[in-house]
N, C-alpha and C. Protein backbone atom coordinates (compact mmCIF):
# COMPACT_ATOMS: atom_id res chain seq x y z
N MET A 1 -10.13 16.34 -0.46
CA MET A 1 -8.93 17.07 -0.84
C MET A 1 -8.56 16.76 -2.29
N PHE A 2 -7.92 17.71 -2.94
CA PHE A 2 -7.43 17.53 -4.31
C PHE A 2 -5.91 17.49 -4.27
N ILE A 3 -5.31 16.42 -4.79
CA ILE A 3 -3.86 16.27 -4.82
C ILE A 3 -3.46 15.93 -6.25
N GLY A 4 -2.52 16.69 -6.80
CA GLY A 4 -2.13 16.41 -8.17
C GLY A 4 -0.80 17.04 -8.53
N ALA A 5 -0.38 16.78 -9.76
CA ALA A 5 0.90 17.28 -10.24
C ALA A 5 0.82 17.54 -11.73
N GLN A 6 1.49 18.58 -12.18
CA GLN A 6 1.76 18.80 -13.59
C GLN A 6 3.22 18.45 -13.82
N VAL A 7 3.48 17.54 -14.76
CA VAL A 7 4.81 16.97 -14.97
C VAL A 7 5.24 17.18 -16.41
N SER A 8 6.45 17.71 -16.61
CA SER A 8 7.01 17.90 -17.95
C SER A 8 8.40 17.31 -18.00
N LEU A 9 8.66 16.46 -19.00
CA LEU A 9 9.94 15.77 -19.17
C LEU A 9 10.69 16.40 -20.34
N TYR A 10 11.99 16.69 -20.14
CA TYR A 10 12.78 17.37 -21.17
C TYR A 10 14.06 16.58 -21.46
N PRO A 11 14.06 15.71 -22.46
CA PRO A 11 15.29 15.01 -22.85
C PRO A 11 16.16 15.92 -23.72
N MET A 12 17.45 15.94 -23.45
CA MET A 12 18.39 16.78 -24.20
C MET A 12 19.01 15.95 -25.33
N THR A 13 18.19 15.56 -26.29
CA THR A 13 18.64 14.71 -27.39
C THR A 13 17.69 14.88 -28.57
N SER A 14 18.20 14.66 -29.77
CA SER A 14 17.35 14.71 -30.95
C SER A 14 16.35 13.56 -30.96
N ASP A 15 16.63 12.54 -30.15
CA ASP A 15 15.74 11.38 -30.05
C ASP A 15 14.73 11.57 -28.92
N PHE A 16 14.34 12.83 -28.68
CA PHE A 16 13.51 13.15 -27.52
C PHE A 16 12.15 12.46 -27.57
N ILE A 17 11.62 12.22 -28.77
CA ILE A 17 10.29 11.60 -28.86
C ILE A 17 10.31 10.21 -28.25
N ASP A 18 11.34 9.43 -28.58
CA ASP A 18 11.43 8.07 -28.05
C ASP A 18 11.64 8.09 -26.54
N VAL A 19 12.46 9.03 -26.05
CA VAL A 19 12.71 9.11 -24.61
C VAL A 19 11.41 9.43 -23.87
N ILE A 20 10.64 10.39 -24.39
CA ILE A 20 9.40 10.79 -23.72
C ILE A 20 8.38 9.64 -23.74
N PHE A 21 8.18 9.04 -24.91
CA PHE A 21 7.16 7.98 -25.00
C PHE A 21 7.56 6.73 -24.22
N SER A 22 8.85 6.40 -24.23
CA SER A 22 9.27 5.23 -23.44
C SER A 22 9.14 5.53 -21.95
N GLY A 23 9.40 6.79 -21.56
CA GLY A 23 9.21 7.17 -20.16
C GLY A 23 7.76 7.09 -19.75
N LEU A 24 6.86 7.53 -20.62
CA LEU A 24 5.43 7.50 -20.30
C LEU A 24 4.92 6.07 -20.12
N GLU A 25 5.61 5.10 -20.71
CA GLU A 25 5.20 3.70 -20.52
C GLU A 25 5.32 3.29 -19.05
N ALA A 26 6.20 3.96 -18.31
CA ALA A 26 6.37 3.64 -16.90
C ALA A 26 5.12 4.00 -16.09
N LEU A 27 4.23 4.80 -16.66
CA LEU A 27 3.00 5.18 -15.96
C LEU A 27 1.90 4.13 -16.07
N THR A 28 2.08 3.14 -16.95
CA THR A 28 1.02 2.15 -17.19
C THR A 28 0.52 1.47 -15.91
N PRO A 29 1.41 1.04 -14.98
CA PRO A 29 0.89 0.36 -13.78
C PRO A 29 0.05 1.26 -12.88
N TYR A 30 0.10 2.56 -13.09
CA TYR A 30 -0.59 3.50 -12.20
C TYR A 30 -1.90 4.03 -12.78
N LYS A 31 -2.25 3.62 -13.98
CA LYS A 31 -3.42 4.19 -14.65
C LYS A 31 -4.73 3.84 -13.95
N SER A 32 -4.76 2.75 -13.21
CA SER A 32 -5.98 2.41 -12.48
C SER A 32 -6.12 3.19 -11.19
N ASP A 33 -5.02 3.77 -10.69
CA ASP A 33 -5.04 4.50 -9.42
C ASP A 33 -5.05 6.01 -9.61
N LEU A 34 -4.65 6.49 -10.77
CA LEU A 34 -4.50 7.92 -11.00
C LEU A 34 -5.31 8.35 -12.21
N ARG A 35 -5.75 9.59 -12.18
CA ARG A 35 -6.24 10.23 -13.41
C ARG A 35 -5.04 10.84 -14.11
N ILE A 36 -4.75 10.38 -15.32
CA ILE A 36 -3.56 10.81 -16.06
C ILE A 36 -4.00 11.41 -17.38
N GLU A 37 -3.63 12.65 -17.61
CA GLU A 37 -4.01 13.35 -18.84
C GLU A 37 -2.75 14.01 -19.42
N THR A 38 -2.39 13.62 -20.63
CA THR A 38 -1.18 14.15 -21.27
C THR A 38 -1.57 15.02 -22.46
N ASP A 39 -0.96 16.21 -22.55
CA ASP A 39 -1.12 17.04 -23.73
C ASP A 39 0.26 17.47 -24.21
N ASP A 40 0.32 18.49 -25.08
CA ASP A 40 1.60 18.87 -25.67
C ASP A 40 2.48 19.68 -24.73
N MET A 41 1.98 20.03 -23.55
CA MET A 41 2.77 20.81 -22.59
C MET A 41 3.23 19.98 -21.40
N SER A 42 2.35 19.13 -20.88
CA SER A 42 2.68 18.41 -19.65
C SER A 42 1.72 17.24 -19.46
N THR A 43 1.97 16.48 -18.41
CA THR A 43 1.08 15.39 -18.01
C THR A 43 0.50 15.71 -16.64
N LEU A 44 -0.82 15.74 -16.55
CA LEU A 44 -1.50 15.93 -15.27
C LEU A 44 -1.72 14.57 -14.64
N MET A 45 -1.38 14.47 -13.34
CA MET A 45 -1.66 13.26 -12.58
C MET A 45 -2.41 13.67 -11.32
N VAL A 46 -3.54 13.03 -11.06
CA VAL A 46 -4.36 13.32 -9.90
C VAL A 46 -4.64 12.02 -9.16
N GLY A 47 -4.46 12.06 -7.82
CA GLY A 47 -4.75 10.88 -7.02
C GLY A 47 -4.03 10.92 -5.70
N ALA A 48 -4.09 9.82 -4.98
CA ALA A 48 -3.42 9.74 -3.68
C ALA A 48 -1.91 9.88 -3.85
N PRO A 49 -1.22 10.48 -2.87
CA PRO A 49 0.21 10.75 -3.04
C PRO A 49 1.09 9.52 -3.10
N GLY A 50 0.62 8.35 -2.62
CA GLY A 50 1.42 7.14 -2.76
C GLY A 50 1.69 6.80 -4.21
N PRO A 51 0.66 6.45 -4.96
CA PRO A 51 0.89 6.15 -6.38
C PRO A 51 1.32 7.37 -7.18
N LEU A 52 0.89 8.56 -6.78
CA LEU A 52 1.26 9.77 -7.52
C LEU A 52 2.77 9.96 -7.52
N LEU A 53 3.40 9.94 -6.34
CA LEU A 53 4.85 10.14 -6.27
C LEU A 53 5.60 8.96 -6.85
N ASP A 54 5.07 7.74 -6.70
CA ASP A 54 5.71 6.58 -7.31
C ASP A 54 5.71 6.71 -8.83
N ALA A 55 4.60 7.17 -9.40
CA ALA A 55 4.51 7.31 -10.85
C ALA A 55 5.50 8.35 -11.36
N ILE A 56 5.60 9.48 -10.67
CA ILE A 56 6.55 10.53 -11.08
C ILE A 56 7.98 10.00 -10.98
N ARG A 57 8.29 9.31 -9.90
CA ARG A 57 9.62 8.72 -9.71
C ARG A 57 9.95 7.74 -10.83
N ASP A 58 9.01 6.85 -11.13
CA ASP A 58 9.28 5.81 -12.13
C ASP A 58 9.38 6.41 -13.54
N LEU A 59 8.60 7.44 -13.81
CA LEU A 59 8.71 8.12 -15.09
C LEU A 59 10.11 8.69 -15.28
N PHE A 60 10.61 9.38 -14.27
CA PHE A 60 11.93 9.98 -14.41
C PHE A 60 13.04 8.94 -14.39
N ALA A 61 12.90 7.92 -13.55
CA ALA A 61 13.92 6.87 -13.49
C ALA A 61 14.04 6.15 -14.83
N ALA A 62 12.91 5.92 -15.50
CA ALA A 62 12.94 5.25 -16.80
C ALA A 62 13.71 6.08 -17.81
N ALA A 63 13.48 7.40 -17.81
CA ALA A 63 14.20 8.28 -18.74
C ALA A 63 15.67 8.39 -18.35
N ALA A 64 15.96 8.41 -17.05
CA ALA A 64 17.33 8.61 -16.57
C ALA A 64 18.21 7.38 -16.78
N ARG A 65 17.61 6.23 -17.02
CA ARG A 65 18.41 5.02 -17.27
C ARG A 65 19.06 5.06 -18.64
N ARG A 66 18.60 5.92 -19.51
CA ARG A 66 19.23 6.10 -20.81
C ARG A 66 20.46 7.00 -20.63
N PRO A 67 21.36 7.06 -21.61
CA PRO A 67 22.59 7.85 -21.43
C PRO A 67 22.41 9.35 -21.61
N GLU A 68 21.31 9.78 -22.22
CA GLU A 68 21.15 11.19 -22.53
C GLU A 68 20.83 12.02 -21.27
N HIS A 69 21.25 13.27 -21.33
CA HIS A 69 20.87 14.22 -20.27
C HIS A 69 19.37 14.44 -20.33
N VAL A 70 18.70 14.33 -19.19
CA VAL A 70 17.26 14.54 -19.14
C VAL A 70 16.92 15.32 -17.88
N THR A 71 15.96 16.22 -17.99
CA THR A 71 15.45 16.94 -16.84
C THR A 71 13.94 16.79 -16.78
N MET A 72 13.39 17.05 -15.61
CA MET A 72 11.94 16.99 -15.44
C MET A 72 11.52 18.10 -14.50
N HIS A 73 10.46 18.80 -14.87
CA HIS A 73 9.91 19.83 -14.00
C HIS A 73 8.55 19.38 -13.52
N VAL A 74 8.30 19.54 -12.21
CA VAL A 74 7.05 19.10 -11.60
C VAL A 74 6.52 20.19 -10.68
N THR A 75 5.24 20.47 -10.78
CA THR A 75 4.53 21.28 -9.80
C THR A 75 3.55 20.37 -9.07
N LEU A 76 3.78 20.18 -7.77
CA LEU A 76 2.91 19.36 -6.92
C LEU A 76 2.01 20.28 -6.10
N SER A 77 0.77 19.85 -5.90
CA SER A 77 -0.15 20.66 -5.11
C SER A 77 -1.10 19.76 -4.34
N ARG A 78 -1.38 20.14 -3.10
CA ARG A 78 -2.42 19.47 -2.32
C ARG A 78 -3.26 20.53 -1.60
N GLY A 79 -4.55 20.27 -1.55
CA GLY A 79 -5.44 21.15 -0.81
C GLY A 79 -5.73 22.47 -1.49
N CYS A 80 -5.57 22.56 -2.80
CA CYS A 80 -5.84 23.83 -3.48
C CYS A 80 -7.31 24.21 -3.30
N PRO A 81 -7.59 25.41 -2.78
CA PRO A 81 -8.99 25.79 -2.54
C PRO A 81 -9.79 25.99 -3.82
N GLY A 82 -9.14 26.08 -4.96
CA GLY A 82 -9.84 26.27 -6.22
C GLY A 82 -10.23 24.98 -6.91
N GLU A 83 -9.87 23.82 -6.32
CA GLU A 83 -10.18 22.53 -6.93
C GLU A 83 -11.17 21.75 -6.07
N PRO A 84 -12.02 20.93 -6.68
CA PRO A 84 -13.00 20.16 -5.89
C PRO A 84 -12.33 19.02 -5.14
N ASP A 85 -12.97 18.58 -4.05
CA ASP A 85 -12.47 17.41 -3.35
C ASP A 85 -12.56 16.19 -4.27
N ASP A 86 -11.59 15.29 -4.11
CA ASP A 86 -11.56 14.08 -4.93
C ASP A 86 -11.28 12.90 -4.01
N PRO A 87 -12.23 11.98 -3.84
CA PRO A 87 -12.04 10.84 -2.93
C PRO A 87 -10.81 10.02 -3.25
N SER A 88 -10.38 9.99 -4.52
CA SER A 88 -9.22 9.18 -4.89
C SER A 88 -7.93 9.71 -4.29
N CYS A 89 -7.97 10.94 -3.76
CA CYS A 89 -6.76 11.57 -3.22
C CYS A 89 -6.57 11.33 -1.72
N HIS A 90 -7.41 10.51 -1.10
CA HIS A 90 -7.32 10.28 0.34
C HIS A 90 -5.94 9.74 0.72
N CYS A 91 -5.39 10.26 1.82
CA CYS A 91 -4.06 9.85 2.27
C CYS A 91 -4.04 9.75 3.78
N GLU A 92 -3.75 8.56 4.30
CA GLU A 92 -3.72 8.35 5.75
C GLU A 92 -2.63 9.16 6.42
N THR A 93 -1.49 9.33 5.75
CA THR A 93 -0.39 10.11 6.34
C THR A 93 -0.84 11.54 6.62
N LEU A 94 -1.58 12.14 5.69
CA LEU A 94 -2.08 13.49 5.90
C LEU A 94 -3.13 13.52 6.99
N THR A 95 -3.98 12.50 7.05
CA THR A 95 -5.03 12.45 8.06
C THR A 95 -4.45 12.47 9.46
N ARG A 96 -3.32 11.76 9.64
CA ARG A 96 -2.69 11.66 10.95
C ARG A 96 -1.76 12.81 11.27
N ALA A 97 -1.41 13.60 10.26
CA ALA A 97 -0.35 14.59 10.44
C ALA A 97 -0.67 15.61 11.51
N GLN A 98 -1.93 16.04 11.62
CA GLN A 98 -2.29 17.08 12.57
C GLN A 98 -2.13 16.62 14.01
N ASP A 99 -2.11 15.31 14.25
CA ASP A 99 -2.00 14.79 15.61
C ASP A 99 -0.55 14.63 16.07
N LEU A 100 0.40 14.90 15.19
CA LEU A 100 1.81 14.67 15.50
C LEU A 100 2.56 15.99 15.61
N SER A 101 3.54 16.01 16.49
CA SER A 101 4.39 17.19 16.61
C SER A 101 5.35 17.27 15.43
N LEU A 102 5.97 18.44 15.26
CA LEU A 102 6.94 18.60 14.19
C LEU A 102 8.09 17.62 14.35
N ALA A 103 8.57 17.43 15.57
CA ALA A 103 9.68 16.50 15.82
C ALA A 103 9.29 15.06 15.47
N GLU A 104 8.07 14.66 15.81
CA GLU A 104 7.61 13.30 15.47
C GLU A 104 7.53 13.12 13.96
N ARG A 105 7.06 14.13 13.27
CA ARG A 105 6.96 14.04 11.81
C ARG A 105 8.34 13.95 11.17
N GLN A 106 9.31 14.66 11.73
CA GLN A 106 10.68 14.58 11.20
C GLN A 106 11.24 13.17 11.35
N VAL A 107 11.01 12.54 12.47
CA VAL A 107 11.50 11.17 12.70
C VAL A 107 10.87 10.21 11.71
N LEU A 108 9.56 10.28 11.53
CA LEU A 108 8.88 9.38 10.60
C LEU A 108 9.35 9.61 9.16
N ALA A 109 9.61 10.86 8.81
CA ALA A 109 10.08 11.17 7.46
C ALA A 109 11.47 10.57 7.22
N ARG A 110 12.36 10.69 8.20
CA ARG A 110 13.70 10.12 8.05
C ARG A 110 13.64 8.60 7.93
N GLU A 111 12.77 7.97 8.71
CA GLU A 111 12.63 6.51 8.65
C GLU A 111 12.13 6.07 7.28
N ALA A 112 11.21 6.83 6.70
CA ALA A 112 10.68 6.48 5.38
C ALA A 112 11.76 6.56 4.31
N VAL A 113 12.61 7.57 4.37
CA VAL A 113 13.70 7.70 3.40
C VAL A 113 14.69 6.55 3.56
N ALA A 114 14.99 6.19 4.80
CA ALA A 114 15.93 5.08 5.03
C ALA A 114 15.41 3.77 4.46
N ASP A 115 14.08 3.62 4.38
CA ASP A 115 13.46 2.38 3.89
C ASP A 115 13.14 2.43 2.39
N ALA A 116 13.51 3.51 1.72
CA ALA A 116 13.16 3.66 0.31
C ALA A 116 13.85 2.61 -0.55
N PRO A 117 13.23 2.18 -1.64
CA PRO A 117 13.87 1.20 -2.53
C PRO A 117 15.05 1.80 -3.27
N ASP A 118 16.05 0.99 -3.56
CA ASP A 118 17.20 1.42 -4.35
C ASP A 118 16.91 1.10 -5.81
N LEU A 119 16.81 2.15 -6.64
CA LEU A 119 16.46 1.96 -8.05
C LEU A 119 17.67 1.89 -8.95
N GLY A 120 18.88 2.12 -8.43
CA GLY A 120 20.08 2.03 -9.23
C GLY A 120 20.25 3.16 -10.22
N VAL A 121 19.61 4.30 -9.96
CA VAL A 121 19.71 5.47 -10.84
C VAL A 121 20.04 6.68 -9.98
N GLU A 122 21.20 7.28 -10.19
CA GLU A 122 21.57 8.45 -9.39
C GLU A 122 21.08 9.72 -10.08
N ILE A 123 20.44 10.57 -9.30
CA ILE A 123 19.87 11.80 -9.85
C ILE A 123 20.18 12.98 -8.95
N ASP A 124 19.99 14.16 -9.49
CA ASP A 124 20.00 15.40 -8.73
C ASP A 124 18.61 16.00 -8.78
N LEU A 125 18.22 16.68 -7.72
CA LEU A 125 16.89 17.27 -7.66
C LEU A 125 16.94 18.51 -6.78
N GLN A 126 16.27 19.55 -7.20
CA GLN A 126 16.13 20.72 -6.33
C GLN A 126 14.66 21.11 -6.27
N PHE A 127 14.24 21.57 -5.08
CA PHE A 127 12.83 21.91 -4.95
C PHE A 127 12.63 22.98 -3.88
N SER A 128 11.46 23.60 -3.95
CA SER A 128 11.03 24.58 -2.97
C SER A 128 9.65 24.19 -2.45
N LEU A 129 9.48 24.28 -1.13
CA LEU A 129 8.21 23.97 -0.48
C LEU A 129 7.48 25.27 -0.15
N TYR A 130 6.21 25.34 -0.50
CA TYR A 130 5.40 26.54 -0.22
C TYR A 130 4.19 26.14 0.62
N VAL A 131 4.15 26.64 1.85
CA VAL A 131 3.02 26.43 2.76
C VAL A 131 2.17 27.69 2.67
N LEU A 132 0.99 27.58 2.08
CA LEU A 132 0.20 28.75 1.71
C LEU A 132 -0.95 28.99 2.69
N GLY A 133 -1.21 30.26 2.96
CA GLY A 133 -2.38 30.65 3.73
C GLY A 133 -2.37 30.21 5.17
N GLN A 134 -1.20 30.20 5.81
CA GLN A 134 -1.13 29.75 7.20
C GLN A 134 -0.20 30.65 7.98
N ASP A 135 -0.66 31.08 9.17
CA ASP A 135 0.24 31.79 10.08
C ASP A 135 1.32 30.82 10.55
N ARG A 136 2.49 31.36 10.88
CA ARG A 136 3.61 30.54 11.36
C ARG A 136 4.04 29.50 10.32
N HIS A 137 3.85 29.82 9.04
CA HIS A 137 4.22 28.87 8.00
C HIS A 137 5.71 28.60 7.97
N MET A 138 6.52 29.55 8.43
CA MET A 138 7.97 29.34 8.42
C MET A 138 8.40 28.27 9.40
N ASP A 139 7.62 28.05 10.45
CA ASP A 139 7.96 26.95 11.38
C ASP A 139 7.94 25.62 10.63
N GLU A 140 6.94 25.43 9.78
CA GLU A 140 6.85 24.20 9.00
C GLU A 140 7.98 24.11 7.98
N ILE A 141 8.30 25.22 7.34
CA ILE A 141 9.37 25.21 6.33
C ILE A 141 10.72 24.94 6.98
N TYR A 142 11.00 25.60 8.11
CA TYR A 142 12.26 25.34 8.81
C TYR A 142 12.32 23.90 9.32
N GLY A 143 11.18 23.38 9.77
CA GLY A 143 11.13 21.99 10.20
C GLY A 143 11.43 21.04 9.05
N CYS A 144 10.91 21.37 7.88
CA CYS A 144 11.20 20.55 6.70
C CYS A 144 12.68 20.62 6.34
N ILE A 145 13.27 21.81 6.40
CA ILE A 145 14.69 21.96 6.08
C ILE A 145 15.54 21.13 7.04
N ASP A 146 15.19 21.13 8.32
CA ASP A 146 15.93 20.32 9.29
C ASP A 146 15.85 18.84 8.92
N PHE A 147 14.66 18.39 8.51
CA PHE A 147 14.52 17.00 8.05
C PHE A 147 15.40 16.75 6.83
N LEU A 148 15.39 17.65 5.87
CA LEU A 148 16.17 17.45 4.64
C LEU A 148 17.65 17.30 4.95
N LYS A 149 18.16 18.11 5.87
CA LYS A 149 19.58 18.06 6.19
C LYS A 149 19.97 16.74 6.85
N ALA A 150 18.99 16.06 7.45
CA ALA A 150 19.28 14.78 8.11
C ALA A 150 18.80 13.59 7.28
N SER A 151 18.33 13.83 6.06
CA SER A 151 17.68 12.78 5.27
C SER A 151 18.64 11.79 4.62
N GLY A 152 19.91 12.20 4.47
CA GLY A 152 20.86 11.37 3.74
C GLY A 152 20.91 11.67 2.26
N THR A 153 19.99 12.51 1.77
CA THR A 153 20.00 12.91 0.36
C THR A 153 20.34 14.39 0.18
N PHE A 154 20.50 15.10 1.28
CA PHE A 154 20.76 16.54 1.21
C PHE A 154 22.14 16.81 0.59
N LEU A 155 22.18 17.71 -0.39
CA LEU A 155 23.44 18.14 -0.99
C LEU A 155 23.83 19.53 -0.52
N LYS A 156 22.92 20.50 -0.70
CA LYS A 156 23.22 21.85 -0.25
C LYS A 156 21.97 22.72 -0.32
N SER A 157 22.02 23.82 0.42
CA SER A 157 20.98 24.83 0.31
C SER A 157 21.36 25.80 -0.79
N LYS A 158 20.37 26.26 -1.53
CA LYS A 158 20.56 27.25 -2.58
C LYS A 158 19.56 28.38 -2.35
N ASN A 159 19.75 29.48 -3.05
CA ASN A 159 18.77 30.54 -2.97
C ASN A 159 17.40 30.01 -3.41
N PHE A 160 16.43 30.13 -2.53
CA PHE A 160 15.03 29.79 -2.81
C PHE A 160 14.74 28.31 -2.90
N CYS A 161 15.71 27.43 -2.72
CA CYS A 161 15.43 26.00 -2.86
C CYS A 161 16.50 25.17 -2.14
N THR A 162 16.26 23.86 -2.09
CA THR A 162 17.19 22.89 -1.50
C THR A 162 17.54 21.86 -2.54
N ARG A 163 18.82 21.50 -2.60
CA ARG A 163 19.27 20.53 -3.60
C ARG A 163 19.55 19.19 -2.93
N LEU A 164 19.05 18.13 -3.57
CA LEU A 164 19.24 16.76 -3.12
C LEU A 164 20.02 15.98 -4.16
N ARG A 165 20.67 14.90 -3.72
CA ARG A 165 21.39 14.01 -4.64
C ARG A 165 21.37 12.60 -4.07
N GLY A 166 21.26 11.62 -4.96
CA GLY A 166 21.32 10.23 -4.52
C GLY A 166 20.53 9.34 -5.45
N ASP A 167 20.30 8.12 -4.99
CA ASP A 167 19.49 7.19 -5.77
C ASP A 167 18.08 7.73 -5.90
N ALA A 168 17.47 7.51 -7.06
CA ALA A 168 16.14 8.06 -7.31
C ALA A 168 15.12 7.60 -6.26
N GLY A 169 15.28 6.37 -5.75
CA GLY A 169 14.35 5.90 -4.74
C GLY A 169 14.37 6.75 -3.49
N ALA A 170 15.56 7.01 -2.97
CA ALA A 170 15.69 7.81 -1.75
C ALA A 170 15.36 9.27 -1.98
N VAL A 171 15.78 9.81 -3.13
CA VAL A 171 15.54 11.23 -3.41
C VAL A 171 14.04 11.50 -3.54
N PHE A 172 13.33 10.67 -4.27
CA PHE A 172 11.89 10.90 -4.42
C PHE A 172 11.13 10.58 -3.14
N GLU A 173 11.65 9.69 -2.30
CA GLU A 173 11.01 9.48 -1.00
C GLU A 173 11.20 10.71 -0.11
N THR A 174 12.36 11.35 -0.20
CA THR A 174 12.57 12.59 0.53
C THR A 174 11.56 13.64 0.09
N LEU A 175 11.35 13.74 -1.21
CA LEU A 175 10.37 14.69 -1.74
C LEU A 175 8.97 14.36 -1.23
N ARG A 176 8.61 13.07 -1.25
CA ARG A 176 7.29 12.65 -0.77
C ARG A 176 7.07 13.07 0.68
N GLN A 177 8.07 12.82 1.52
CA GLN A 177 7.93 13.14 2.93
C GLN A 177 7.83 14.65 3.17
N ALA A 178 8.58 15.42 2.40
CA ALA A 178 8.47 16.88 2.51
C ALA A 178 7.07 17.33 2.14
N PHE A 179 6.49 16.73 1.12
CA PHE A 179 5.18 17.10 0.62
C PHE A 179 4.07 16.74 1.60
N LEU A 180 4.20 15.59 2.27
CA LEU A 180 3.11 15.08 3.09
C LEU A 180 3.19 15.48 4.56
N ARG A 181 4.38 15.65 5.10
CA ARG A 181 4.50 15.78 6.55
C ARG A 181 4.71 17.21 7.03
N PHE A 182 4.82 18.14 6.12
CA PHE A 182 5.07 19.53 6.53
C PHE A 182 4.03 20.44 5.90
N GLY A 183 3.51 21.34 6.69
CA GLY A 183 2.36 22.13 6.29
C GLY A 183 1.10 21.50 6.83
N PRO A 184 0.03 22.28 6.97
CA PRO A 184 -1.21 21.77 7.57
C PRO A 184 -1.82 20.66 6.74
N ALA A 185 -2.38 19.66 7.42
CA ALA A 185 -2.95 18.51 6.72
C ALA A 185 -4.07 18.92 5.78
N GLU A 186 -4.86 19.91 6.16
CA GLU A 186 -5.98 20.34 5.33
C GLU A 186 -5.67 21.64 4.58
N GLY A 187 -4.45 22.12 4.67
CA GLY A 187 -4.10 23.39 4.03
C GLY A 187 -3.60 23.21 2.61
N HIS A 188 -3.29 24.34 1.97
CA HIS A 188 -2.77 24.33 0.61
C HIS A 188 -1.25 24.34 0.68
N VAL A 189 -0.62 23.30 0.14
CA VAL A 189 0.83 23.14 0.12
C VAL A 189 1.24 22.80 -1.31
N THR A 190 2.28 23.48 -1.79
CA THR A 190 2.79 23.18 -3.13
C THR A 190 4.30 22.96 -3.09
N ILE A 191 4.79 22.25 -4.10
CA ILE A 191 6.23 22.06 -4.29
C ILE A 191 6.55 22.36 -5.75
N ASP A 192 7.60 23.12 -5.96
CA ASP A 192 8.14 23.35 -7.30
C ASP A 192 9.47 22.61 -7.39
N MET A 193 9.60 21.69 -8.34
CA MET A 193 10.73 20.77 -8.37
C MET A 193 11.31 20.61 -9.76
N THR A 194 12.64 20.51 -9.82
CA THR A 194 13.34 20.16 -11.05
C THR A 194 14.32 19.04 -10.75
N ALA A 195 14.26 17.97 -11.56
CA ALA A 195 15.18 16.85 -11.43
C ALA A 195 16.07 16.79 -12.66
N SER A 196 17.29 16.25 -12.48
CA SER A 196 18.25 16.15 -13.58
C SER A 196 19.05 14.86 -13.44
N ALA A 197 19.36 14.26 -14.59
CA ALA A 197 20.23 13.08 -14.61
C ALA A 197 21.09 13.11 -15.85
N ASN A 198 22.31 12.61 -15.73
CA ASN A 198 23.25 12.46 -16.85
C ASN A 198 23.69 13.80 -17.45
N SER A 199 23.75 14.84 -16.63
CA SER A 199 24.15 16.14 -17.13
C SER A 199 25.62 16.12 -17.52
N PRO A 200 26.00 16.77 -18.64
CA PRO A 200 27.41 16.85 -19.02
C PRO A 200 28.17 17.90 -18.22
N SER A 201 27.45 18.74 -17.48
CA SER A 201 28.11 19.78 -16.67
C SER A 201 28.82 19.15 -15.47
N PRO A 202 29.92 19.74 -15.03
CA PRO A 202 30.57 19.24 -13.81
C PRO A 202 29.61 19.29 -12.64
N ARG A 203 29.57 18.23 -11.83
CA ARG A 203 28.63 18.17 -10.71
C ARG A 203 29.10 19.05 -9.58
N ALA A 204 28.16 19.76 -8.99
CA ALA A 204 28.48 20.70 -7.90
C ALA A 204 28.89 19.93 -6.66
């Protein structure tokens, strides 16, 4: 299976170069586990979803600890039929997913969020889950929405997406569980996500 993400960080400050480069330093511990390629548009990360989601979380948390408003856009994908299999992307959670009912997966997802580390950084995040090429795909999406509403990070439903709020540890763990536990284990699943911290706009 191929699992990866395209990640773009957008600091709302004239000092954006320092914010971006200092944020990228948070990826250093993950360079042995992930293929990381940065260009002038985004950073590609390929590998198992454990270190992959941790790296994305830590990148954004590092930028969000500064006072400036910062946003991040991420496209996550697993099982894309146009990409070659990559052994580094193996994930036990996905391997076991087909053997579990939707209700069992929801319970495990909630438990994982409850155990997430507290990073001391409050963020907002909105995302959409896309289960591609599968009949009854809405069953998986509705099951994911039910999990989100019980996750402890759910803020509200919006047109085409769900909004989360809370500590970066719990919010990104919610995202991880949505990505891994819903949709077919061997199918193509994507997430489109935007995170925000320190916005000057009144919070919804």
